[in-house]
Each structure stands twice: as C-alpha cells, then as structure tokens.
C-alpha cells in the first residue's frame, strides 16, 4: 500500500501506532490526542476498518492489523526522518513542522517520501 492517503487518515494511523505500540487503543485516547470528538474518531475508524488497517475490538478499542502495523511503522519511520531533515533546514515551530511532515508523507506516499529521503543528506 504505497499510494498516497489523506492527511487525516495518516494522522489517525500514526496516532494509533504511537499510542498502541502494537496493542489495543481506546477510541477516547485517540480523540484526546488529536483533540477531536469521539464521533469523528468513530467515523475515521470505520474508514480505516474498511481499508483493513485497523480492527475494532470490544468496548471501543481498536488495534492495527498486520497490514496496518506494517504501513504505520513504515510511515512513522519516514515521518520521523522527514521531521529531522526539515528541522535541520527550516526554522518552524515543532507543531507546524510535524503537520507539514505528515502532509508530505500523506501526499507523496511512502515510496515518494523515500525518494526524497534518499536524495538529501540527513543530519547526524
């Protein structure tokens, strides 16, 4: 799954990955982290479930599927690497830098981001 995805879907995917670290996450945790309503979380979780990157469990818990974990892990590494590159070159507040990095990963997809990362000298 190397095609681009929406910025919102990527934000949710990375949030679930970061909060869960391979285990289940409560939807209220996602809502709190992203500062969105639980209804918004439920709508996005329905999308991610249809895409087979998360599976819903009882009591409002969700967990990444094997496919979702692989995708999230790859996107997280690229997001982190891209943040380092941008931080070394741009004078932006951390929150803005993070949102820009997520937008780039979402717009270009993992393969496109990897091409960028391969072509720039990374900070030590």
N, C-alpha and C. Protein backbone atom coordinates (compact mmCIF):
# COMPACT_ATOMS: atom_id res chain seq x y z
N UNK A 1 0.85 -1.18 0.00
CA UNK A 1 0.00 0.00 0.00
C UNK A 1 0.89 1.24 0.00
N UNK A 2 1.40 1.58 -1.16
CA UNK A 2 2.31 2.72 -1.22
C UNK A 2 1.64 3.94 -1.83
N UNK A 3 0.37 3.87 -2.10
CA UNK A 3 -0.36 5.00 -2.67
C UNK A 3 -0.54 6.07 -1.60
N UNK A 4 -0.64 7.33 -2.03
CA UNK A 4 -0.88 8.40 -1.07
C UNK A 4 -2.20 8.20 -0.33
N UNK A 5 -2.30 8.75 0.87
CA UNK A 5 -3.53 8.70 1.66
C UNK A 5 -3.82 10.10 2.15
N UNK A 6 -5.01 10.30 2.66
CA UNK A 6 -5.34 11.63 3.16
C UNK A 6 -4.52 11.94 4.41
N UNK A 7 -4.29 13.23 4.61
CA UNK A 7 -3.55 13.66 5.79
C UNK A 7 -4.27 13.23 7.06
N UNK A 8 -5.59 13.33 7.07
CA UNK A 8 -6.37 12.94 8.25
C UNK A 8 -6.19 11.46 8.55
N UNK A 9 -6.29 10.62 7.53
CA UNK A 9 -6.12 9.18 7.76
C UNK A 9 -4.73 8.87 8.28
N UNK A 10 -3.73 9.54 7.74
CA UNK A 10 -2.37 9.30 8.20
C UNK A 10 -2.20 9.76 9.66
N UNK A 11 -2.78 10.89 10.02
CA UNK A 11 -2.71 11.35 11.41
C UNK A 11 -3.31 10.32 12.36
N UNK A 12 -4.45 9.77 12.00
CA UNK A 12 -5.08 8.75 12.84
C UNK A 12 -4.21 7.49 12.89
N UNK A 13 -3.72 7.05 11.75
CA UNK A 13 -2.90 5.84 11.70
C UNK A 13 -1.66 5.99 12.59
N UNK A 14 -0.97 7.12 12.47
CA UNK A 14 0.23 7.34 13.27
C UNK A 14 -0.10 7.50 14.76
N UNK A 15 -1.24 8.09 15.06
CA UNK A 15 -1.66 8.23 16.45
C UNK A 15 -1.94 6.87 17.08
N UNK A 16 -2.65 6.02 16.36
CA UNK A 16 -2.93 4.67 16.86
C UNK A 16 -1.63 3.91 17.05
N UNK A 17 -0.74 4.04 16.09
CA UNK A 17 0.56 3.38 16.17
C UNK A 17 1.35 3.85 17.40
N UNK A 18 1.39 5.14 17.58
CA UNK A 18 2.16 5.72 18.69
C UNK A 18 1.54 5.37 20.04
N UNK A 19 0.23 5.47 20.16
CA UNK A 19 -0.43 5.18 21.43
C UNK A 19 -0.42 3.69 21.76
N UNK A 20 -0.64 2.86 20.74
CA UNK A 20 -0.80 1.44 20.99
C UNK A 20 0.48 0.65 21.05
N UNK A 21 1.47 1.07 20.31
CA UNK A 21 2.73 0.33 20.22
C UNK A 21 2.48 -1.17 20.06
N UNK A 22 1.59 -1.48 19.11
CA UNK A 22 1.28 -2.87 18.80
C UNK A 22 0.08 -3.44 19.54
N UNK A 23 -0.41 -2.74 20.55
CA UNK A 23 -1.55 -3.22 21.32
C UNK A 23 -2.79 -2.39 21.05
N UNK A 24 -3.88 -2.75 21.71
CA UNK A 24 -5.14 -2.02 21.50
C UNK A 24 -5.12 -0.63 22.12
N UNK A 25 -5.92 0.25 21.52
CA UNK A 25 -6.04 1.64 21.95
C UNK A 25 -7.52 1.95 22.10
N UNK A 26 -7.86 2.71 23.13
CA UNK A 26 -9.25 3.12 23.30
C UNK A 26 -9.52 4.33 22.42
N UNK A 27 -10.72 4.39 21.85
CA UNK A 27 -11.05 5.49 20.95
C UNK A 27 -10.99 6.84 21.66
N UNK A 28 -11.27 6.87 22.96
CA UNK A 28 -11.20 8.13 23.70
C UNK A 28 -9.75 8.63 23.77
N UNK A 29 -8.78 7.72 23.81
CA UNK A 29 -7.37 8.13 23.80
C UNK A 29 -7.03 8.83 22.48
N UNK A 30 -7.56 8.28 21.40
CA UNK A 30 -7.31 8.86 20.07
C UNK A 30 -7.94 10.25 20.01
N UNK A 31 -9.19 10.36 20.49
CA UNK A 31 -9.88 11.65 20.48
C UNK A 31 -9.11 12.68 21.30
N UNK A 32 -8.64 12.28 22.47
CA UNK A 32 -7.89 13.20 23.32
C UNK A 32 -6.59 13.64 22.66
N UNK A 33 -5.86 12.70 22.08
CA UNK A 33 -4.56 13.03 21.48
C UNK A 33 -4.72 13.97 20.29
N UNK A 34 -5.76 13.71 19.47
CA UNK A 34 -5.95 14.52 18.26
C UNK A 34 -6.84 15.74 18.49
N UNK A 35 -7.39 15.84 19.70
CA UNK A 35 -8.28 16.95 20.05
C UNK A 35 -9.47 17.01 19.09
N UNK A 36 -10.12 15.85 18.94
CA UNK A 36 -11.32 15.74 18.10
C UNK A 36 -12.40 15.04 18.92
N UNK A 37 -13.62 15.04 18.40
CA UNK A 37 -14.72 14.38 19.10
C UNK A 37 -14.64 12.87 18.91
N UNK A 38 -15.29 12.15 19.80
CA UNK A 38 -15.33 10.69 19.65
C UNK A 38 -16.11 10.30 18.41
N UNK A 39 -17.09 11.12 18.03
CA UNK A 39 -17.84 10.85 16.79
C UNK A 39 -16.90 10.92 15.59
N UNK A 40 -16.01 11.89 15.57
CA UNK A 40 -15.03 11.99 14.48
C UNK A 40 -14.12 10.76 14.46
N UNK A 41 -13.70 10.34 15.64
CA UNK A 41 -12.86 9.14 15.73
C UNK A 41 -13.61 7.93 15.18
N UNK A 42 -14.86 7.78 15.57
CA UNK A 42 -15.64 6.63 15.11
C UNK A 42 -15.81 6.62 13.59
N UNK A 43 -16.02 7.80 13.01
CA UNK A 43 -16.14 7.87 11.55
C UNK A 43 -14.83 7.45 10.87
N UNK A 44 -13.72 7.96 11.37
CA UNK A 44 -12.43 7.61 10.76
C UNK A 44 -12.09 6.14 11.00
N UNK A 45 -12.43 5.62 12.17
CA UNK A 45 -12.15 4.21 12.43
C UNK A 45 -12.95 3.31 11.49
N UNK A 46 -14.14 3.74 11.12
CA UNK A 46 -14.93 2.97 10.14
C UNK A 46 -14.20 2.93 8.80
N UNK A 47 -13.62 4.05 8.40
CA UNK A 47 -12.86 4.11 7.14
C UNK A 47 -11.63 3.20 7.23
N UNK A 48 -10.88 3.32 8.32
CA UNK A 48 -9.67 2.53 8.48
C UNK A 48 -9.98 1.03 8.61
N UNK A 49 -11.13 0.71 9.17
CA UNK A 49 -11.55 -0.69 9.26
C UNK A 49 -11.86 -1.23 7.87
N UNK A 50 -12.57 -0.45 7.07
CA UNK A 50 -12.86 -0.87 5.69
C UNK A 50 -11.57 -1.06 4.89
N UNK A 51 -10.58 -0.24 5.16
CA UNK A 51 -9.29 -0.36 4.47
C UNK A 51 -8.42 -1.48 5.05
N UNK A 52 -8.93 -2.12 6.08
CA UNK A 52 -8.28 -3.26 6.73
C UNK A 52 -6.93 -2.91 7.37
N UNK A 53 -6.82 -1.68 7.87
CA UNK A 53 -5.61 -1.31 8.59
C UNK A 53 -5.83 -1.30 10.10
N UNK A 54 -7.09 -1.25 10.54
CA UNK A 54 -7.40 -1.43 11.96
C UNK A 54 -8.54 -2.43 12.10
N UNK A 55 -8.61 -3.02 13.28
CA UNK A 55 -9.75 -3.87 13.60
C UNK A 55 -10.33 -3.40 14.92
N UNK A 56 -11.64 -3.37 14.96
CA UNK A 56 -12.33 -2.92 16.17
C UNK A 56 -12.44 -4.10 17.13
N UNK A 57 -12.27 -3.79 18.40
CA UNK A 57 -12.45 -4.77 19.45
C UNK A 57 -13.59 -4.29 20.34
N UNK A 58 -13.88 -5.07 21.37
CA UNK A 58 -14.96 -4.71 22.29
C UNK A 58 -14.61 -3.46 23.08
N UNK A 59 -15.64 -2.78 23.54
CA UNK A 59 -15.51 -1.64 24.44
C UNK A 59 -14.72 -0.48 23.84
N UNK A 60 -14.90 -0.25 22.55
CA UNK A 60 -14.30 0.92 21.92
C UNK A 60 -12.81 0.85 21.69
N UNK A 61 -12.25 -0.33 21.73
CA UNK A 61 -10.82 -0.48 21.49
C UNK A 61 -10.58 -0.82 20.02
N UNK A 62 -9.46 -0.34 19.51
CA UNK A 62 -9.04 -0.67 18.15
C UNK A 62 -7.58 -1.08 18.19
N UNK A 63 -7.21 -1.86 17.19
CA UNK A 63 -5.83 -2.31 17.09
C UNK A 63 -5.46 -2.35 15.62
N UNK A 64 -4.21 -2.05 15.33
CA UNK A 64 -3.74 -2.14 13.95
C UNK A 64 -3.71 -3.60 13.52
N UNK A 65 -4.11 -3.86 12.29
CA UNK A 65 -3.96 -5.19 11.71
C UNK A 65 -2.48 -5.36 11.34
N UNK A 66 -2.11 -6.55 10.91
CA UNK A 66 -0.73 -6.77 10.46
C UNK A 66 -0.39 -5.81 9.33
N UNK A 67 -1.32 -5.65 8.40
CA UNK A 67 -1.13 -4.72 7.28
C UNK A 67 -1.02 -3.28 7.79
N UNK A 68 -1.88 -2.92 8.73
CA UNK A 68 -1.85 -1.57 9.30
C UNK A 68 -0.58 -1.30 10.08
N UNK A 69 -0.11 -2.30 10.82
CA UNK A 69 1.12 -2.15 11.59
C UNK A 69 2.32 -1.96 10.67
N UNK A 70 2.36 -2.71 9.59
CA UNK A 70 3.45 -2.57 8.62
C UNK A 70 3.43 -1.17 7.99
N UNK A 71 2.25 -0.73 7.57
CA UNK A 71 2.12 0.59 6.95
C UNK A 71 2.46 1.70 7.95
N UNK A 72 1.91 1.60 9.15
CA UNK A 72 2.15 2.62 10.17
C UNK A 72 3.62 2.69 10.55
N UNK A 73 4.25 1.54 10.67
CA UNK A 73 5.67 1.50 11.02
C UNK A 73 6.52 2.19 9.96
N UNK A 74 6.23 1.88 8.71
CA UNK A 74 6.98 2.49 7.60
C UNK A 74 6.73 4.00 7.55
N UNK A 75 5.47 4.40 7.66
CA UNK A 75 5.14 5.83 7.63
C UNK A 75 5.74 6.56 8.83
N UNK A 76 5.75 5.91 10.00
CA UNK A 76 6.32 6.54 11.20
C UNK A 76 7.81 6.79 11.02
N UNK A 77 8.52 5.80 10.50
CA UNK A 77 9.96 5.97 10.27
C UNK A 77 10.22 7.12 9.30
N UNK A 78 9.44 7.16 8.22
CA UNK A 78 9.63 8.21 7.23
C UNK A 78 9.23 9.57 7.79
N UNK A 79 8.15 9.61 8.53
CA UNK A 79 7.72 10.85 9.18
C UNK A 79 8.82 11.36 10.11
N UNK A 80 9.36 10.46 10.93
CA UNK A 80 10.42 10.85 11.87
C UNK A 80 11.67 11.33 11.15
N UNK A 81 12.06 10.60 10.10
CA UNK A 81 13.24 11.00 9.32
C UNK A 81 13.01 12.35 8.63
N UNK A 82 11.81 12.53 8.08
CA UNK A 82 11.49 13.78 7.41
C UNK A 82 11.47 14.94 8.40
N UNK A 83 10.96 14.71 9.60
CA UNK A 83 10.97 15.75 10.63
C UNK A 83 12.40 16.18 10.94
N UNK A 84 13.31 15.22 11.02
CA UNK A 84 14.72 15.56 11.28
C UNK A 84 15.30 16.41 10.16
N UNK A 85 15.02 16.01 8.92
CA UNK A 85 15.53 16.76 7.77
C UNK A 85 14.96 18.18 7.77
N UNK A 86 13.65 18.30 7.96
CA UNK A 86 13.01 19.62 7.95
C UNK A 86 13.50 20.48 9.11
N UNK A 87 13.65 19.87 10.27
CA UNK A 87 14.09 20.61 11.45
C UNK A 87 15.49 21.19 11.24
N UNK A 88 16.33 20.45 10.53
CA UNK A 88 17.70 20.93 10.31
C UNK A 88 17.77 22.04 9.26
N UNK A 89 16.70 22.19 8.47
CA UNK A 89 16.73 23.16 7.37
C UNK A 89 15.74 24.32 7.52
N UNK A 90 14.73 24.14 8.34
CA UNK A 90 13.69 25.16 8.46
C UNK A 90 13.55 25.62 9.90
N UNK A 91 13.23 26.86 10.06
CA UNK A 91 13.00 27.42 11.39
C UNK A 91 11.50 27.50 11.62
N UNK A 92 10.91 26.35 11.97
CA UNK A 92 9.47 26.28 12.19
C UNK A 92 9.19 25.77 13.60
N UNK A 93 8.08 26.19 14.19
CA UNK A 93 7.67 25.61 15.47
C UNK A 93 7.43 24.11 15.30
N UNK A 94 7.66 23.35 16.35
CA UNK A 94 7.57 21.88 16.30
C UNK A 94 6.22 21.40 15.77
N UNK A 95 5.14 22.03 16.22
CA UNK A 95 3.81 21.59 15.79
C UNK A 95 3.61 21.81 14.29
N UNK A 96 4.07 22.93 13.79
CA UNK A 96 3.94 23.21 12.36
C UNK A 96 4.82 22.27 11.54
N UNK A 97 6.02 22.02 12.03
CA UNK A 97 6.94 21.11 11.36
C UNK A 97 6.32 19.72 11.27
N UNK A 98 5.72 19.27 12.38
CA UNK A 98 5.08 17.96 12.42
C UNK A 98 3.93 17.86 11.42
N UNK A 99 3.08 18.89 11.39
CA UNK A 99 1.93 18.84 10.47
C UNK A 99 2.39 18.89 9.02
N UNK A 100 3.46 19.63 8.73
CA UNK A 100 3.98 19.67 7.36
C UNK A 100 4.57 18.32 6.96
N UNK A 101 5.28 17.68 7.88
CA UNK A 101 5.86 16.37 7.58
C UNK A 101 4.76 15.34 7.32
N UNK A 102 3.70 15.38 8.12
CA UNK A 102 2.58 14.45 7.90
C UNK A 102 1.95 14.71 6.54
N UNK A 103 1.78 15.98 6.18
CA UNK A 103 1.18 16.31 4.88
C UNK A 103 2.03 15.78 3.73
N UNK A 104 3.35 15.91 3.85
CA UNK A 104 4.24 15.42 2.79
C UNK A 104 4.15 13.90 2.67
N UNK A 105 4.20 13.20 3.80
CA UNK A 105 4.10 11.74 3.77
C UNK A 105 2.76 11.32 3.19
N UNK A 106 1.69 12.01 3.57
CA UNK A 106 0.36 11.67 3.05
C UNK A 106 0.26 11.94 1.56
N UNK A 107 0.76 13.07 1.11
CA UNK A 107 0.64 13.45 -0.30
C UNK A 107 1.50 12.59 -1.22
N UNK A 108 2.70 12.29 -0.80
CA UNK A 108 3.63 11.56 -1.68
C UNK A 108 3.57 10.05 -1.51
N UNK A 109 3.08 9.59 -0.38
CA UNK A 109 3.09 8.16 -0.12
C UNK A 109 4.48 7.71 0.29
N UNK A 110 4.57 6.53 0.88
CA UNK A 110 5.85 6.05 1.38
C UNK A 110 6.96 5.98 0.33
N UNK A 111 6.63 5.57 -0.89
CA UNK A 111 7.67 5.47 -1.92
C UNK A 111 8.19 6.84 -2.32
N UNK A 112 7.30 7.82 -2.45
CA UNK A 112 7.73 9.17 -2.81
C UNK A 112 8.58 9.81 -1.73
N UNK A 113 8.19 9.61 -0.48
CA UNK A 113 8.97 10.16 0.63
C UNK A 113 10.34 9.50 0.69
N UNK A 114 10.37 8.20 0.45
CA UNK A 114 11.65 7.51 0.48
C UNK A 114 12.59 8.07 -0.58
N UNK A 115 12.05 8.42 -1.73
CA UNK A 115 12.85 9.05 -2.77
C UNK A 115 13.47 10.36 -2.32
N UNK A 116 12.68 11.16 -1.61
CA UNK A 116 13.20 12.42 -1.07
C UNK A 116 14.28 12.14 -0.04
N UNK A 117 13.99 11.24 0.88
CA UNK A 117 14.95 10.95 1.94
C UNK A 117 16.26 10.40 1.38
N UNK A 118 16.16 9.61 0.33
CA UNK A 118 17.36 9.04 -0.28
C UNK A 118 18.21 10.11 -0.98
N UNK A 119 17.57 11.22 -1.36
CA UNK A 119 18.29 12.23 -2.14
C UNK A 119 18.86 13.38 -1.31
N UNK A 120 18.55 13.43 -0.02
CA UNK A 120 19.06 14.51 0.82
C UNK A 120 20.03 13.97 1.85
N UNK A 121 20.97 14.81 2.20
CA UNK A 121 21.90 14.45 3.26
C UNK A 121 21.20 14.68 4.58
N UNK A 122 21.14 13.65 5.39
CA UNK A 122 20.44 13.76 6.66
C UNK A 122 21.36 14.29 7.75
N UNK A 123 20.77 14.99 8.71
CA UNK A 123 21.59 15.48 9.82
C UNK A 123 22.14 14.32 10.64
N UNK A 124 23.29 14.53 11.22
CA UNK A 124 23.93 13.48 12.02
C UNK A 124 23.26 13.30 13.35
